Amino acid sequence: MGLLAASFRTMLPPVLRHQRRHSGDFSGTPVTGGKVKVSGFNSSLVALHQATPKLGLFAKAGLYAWEAKASLVSAGIVVKF
């Protein structure tokens, strides 16, 4: 069997999106309006090949990308990172 007999599978889960808000204190300093936004994407490809009746091979390649944005107000100062 050659490489043409290999089977390919892809996995494409949905895009991750999450947002969270926070208020409280950080080491005694009041924090208000804390906000974090996270988004990401994950994808992979799996190749399977039966080399012999007792030996199977596989290869996997993937990509994971994300972005996070955060902001808060502490002591009257807006901080973004």
C-alpha atoms as a PDB file:
ATOM      1  CA  MET A   1       0.000   0.000   0.000  1.00  0.00           C
ATOM      2  CA  GLY A   2       1.295   3.418  -0.845  1.00  0.00           C
ATOM      3  CA  LEU A   3       0.613   6.808   0.623  1.00  0.00           C
ATOM      4  CA  LEU A   4      -2.440   7.090  -1.648  1.00  0.00           C
ATOM      5  CA  ALA A   5      -4.158   4.493   0.557  1.00  0.00           C
ATOM      6  CA  ALA A   6      -3.921   6.746   3.623  1.00  0.00           C
ATOM      7  CA  SER A   7      -7.068   8.275   5.063  1.00  0.00           C
ATOM      8  CA  PHE A   8      -7.255  11.885   6.221  1.00  0.00           C
ATOM      9  CA  ARG A   9      -9.478  13.346   8.932  1.00  0.00           C
ATOM     10  CA  THR A  10      -9.912  16.948   9.908  1.00  0.00           C
ATOM     11  CA  MET A  11     -11.149  18.351  13.193  1.00  0.00           C
ATOM     12  CA  LEU A  12     -12.552  21.876  13.145  1.00  0.00           C
ATOM     13  CA  PRO A  13     -14.167  22.749  16.475  1.00  0.00           C
ATOM     14  CA  PRO A  14     -16.026  26.045  16.762  1.00  0.00           C
ATOM     15  CA  VAL A  15     -14.218  29.298  17.423  1.00  0.00           C
ATOM     16  CA  LEU A  16     -13.731  30.001  21.140  1.00  0.00           C
ATOM     17  CA  ARG A  17     -15.151  33.306  22.394  1.00  0.00           C
ATOM     18  CA  HIS A  18     -15.417  34.286  26.040  1.00  0.00           C
ATOM     19  CA  GLN A  19     -15.884  37.524  27.968  1.00  0.00           C
ATOM     20  CA  ARG A  20     -15.636  38.023  31.733  1.00  0.00           C
ATOM     21  CA  ARG A  21     -16.095  41.059  34.017  1.00  0.00           C
ATOM     22  CA  HIS A  22     -14.484  41.671  37.417  1.00  0.00           C
ATOM     23  CA  SER A  23     -14.654  44.144  40.305  1.00  0.00           C
ATOM     24  CA  GLY A  24     -12.910  43.950  43.666  1.00  0.00           C
ATOM     25  CA  ASP A  25      -9.466  44.810  44.925  1.00  0.00           C
ATOM     26  CA  PHE A  26      -5.890  43.970  44.035  1.00  0.00           C
ATOM     27  CA  SER A  27      -3.519  44.146  47.027  1.00  0.00           C
ATOM     28  CA  GLY A  28      -5.852  46.616  48.738  1.00  0.00           C
ATOM     29  CA  THR A  29      -6.284  48.889  45.679  1.00  0.00           C
ATOM     30  CA  PRO A  30      -9.905  49.012  44.440  1.00  0.00           C
ATOM     31  CA  VAL A  31     -10.423  47.693  40.908  1.00  0.00           C
ATOM     32  CA  THR A  32     -13.607  48.391  38.928  1.00  0.00           C
ATOM     33  CA  GLY A  33     -14.698  47.743  35.379  1.00  0.00           C
ATOM     34  CA  GLY A  34     -12.297  44.842  34.912  1.00  0.00           C
ATOM     35  CA  LYS A  35     -12.966  43.101  31.589  1.00  0.00           C
ATOM     36  CA  VAL A  36     -11.259  40.266  29.713  1.00  0.00           C
ATOM     37  CA  LYS A  37     -12.127  39.147  26.172  1.00  0.00           C
ATOM     38  CA  VAL A  38     -10.613  35.963  24.759  1.00  0.00           C
ATOM     39  CA  SER A  39     -11.070  34.446  21.309  1.00  0.00           C
ATOM     40  CA  GLY A  40      -9.318  31.545  19.650  1.00  0.00           C
ATOM     41  CA  PHE A  41      -9.309  28.958  16.887  1.00  0.00           C
ATOM     42  CA  ASN A  42      -8.136  25.345  16.863  1.00  0.00           C
ATOM     43  CA  SER A  43      -7.730  23.076  13.836  1.00  0.00           C
ATOM     44  CA  SER A  44      -5.918  19.812  13.143  1.00  0.00           C
ATOM     45  CA  LEU A  45      -5.421  17.224  10.412  1.00  0.00           C
ATOM     46  CA  VAL A  46      -4.778  13.532  11.096  1.00  0.00           C
ATOM     47  CA  ALA A  47      -3.408  11.101   8.468  1.00  0.00           C
ATOM     48  CA  LEU A  48      -3.687   7.329   9.018  1.00  0.00           C
ATOM     49  CA  HIS A  49      -1.843   4.667   7.007  1.00  0.00           C
ATOM     50  CA  GLN A  50      -1.958   0.887   7.456  1.00  0.00           C
ATOM     51  CA  ALA A  51       1.641  -0.086   6.531  1.00  0.00           C
ATOM     52  CA  THR A  52       1.211  -3.813   7.242  1.00  0.00           C
ATOM     53  CA  PRO A  53      -1.610  -5.868   8.750  1.00  0.00           C
ATOM     54  CA  LYS A  54       0.002  -5.387  12.201  1.00  0.00           C
ATOM     55  CA  LEU A  55       1.500  -1.909  11.803  1.00  0.00           C
ATOM     56  CA  GLY A  56      -0.457   1.301  11.455  1.00  0.00           C
ATOM     57  CA  LEU A  57       1.101   4.762  11.174  1.00  0.00           C
ATOM     58  CA  PHE A  58      -0.367   8.152  11.877  1.00  0.00           C
ATOM     59  CA  ALA A  59       0.674  11.788  11.617  1.00  0.00           C
ATOM     60  CA  LYS A  60      -1.011  14.810  13.128  1.00  0.00           C
ATOM     61  CA  ALA A  61      -0.516  18.510  12.376  1.00  0.00           C
ATOM     62  CA  GLY A  62      -2.450  21.372  13.909  1.00  0.00           C
ATOM     63  CA  LEU A  63      -2.848  25.058  14.480  1.00  0.00           C
ATOM     64  CA  TYR A  64      -3.977  26.930  17.572  1.00  0.00           C
ATOM     65  CA  ALA A  65      -4.300  30.701  17.589  1.00  0.00           C
ATOM     66  CA  TRP A  66      -5.742  33.028  20.217  1.00  0.00           C
ATOM     67  CA  GLU A  67      -6.076  36.657  21.215  1.00  0.00           C
ATOM     68  CA  ALA A  68      -6.793  38.152  24.632  1.00  0.00           C
ATOM     69  CA  LYS A  69      -7.633  41.742  25.545  1.00  0.00           C
ATOM     70  CA  ALA A  70      -8.032  43.040  29.099  1.00  0.00           C
ATOM     71  CA  SER A  71      -8.788  46.373  30.743  1.00  0.00           C
ATOM     72  CA  LEU A  72      -9.532  47.682  34.245  1.00  0.00           C
ATOM     73  CA  VAL A  73      -9.849  50.888  36.243  1.00  0.00           C
ATOM     74  CA  SER A  74      -7.629  51.198  39.326  1.00  0.00           C
ATOM     75  CA  ALA A  75      -7.191  54.383  41.371  1.00  0.00           C
ATOM     76  CA  GLY A  76      -8.988  56.316  38.611  1.00  0.00           C
ATOM     77  CA  ILE A  77      -6.548  55.144  35.916  1.00  0.00           C
ATOM     78  CA  VAL A  78      -7.714  53.055  32.950  1.00  0.00           C
ATOM     79  CA  VAL A  79      -5.247  50.244  32.245  1.00  0.00           C
ATOM     80  CA  LYS A  80      -5.421  48.233  28.989  1.00  0.00           C
ATOM     81  CA  PHE A  81      -3.273  45.236  28.155  1.00  0.00           C
END
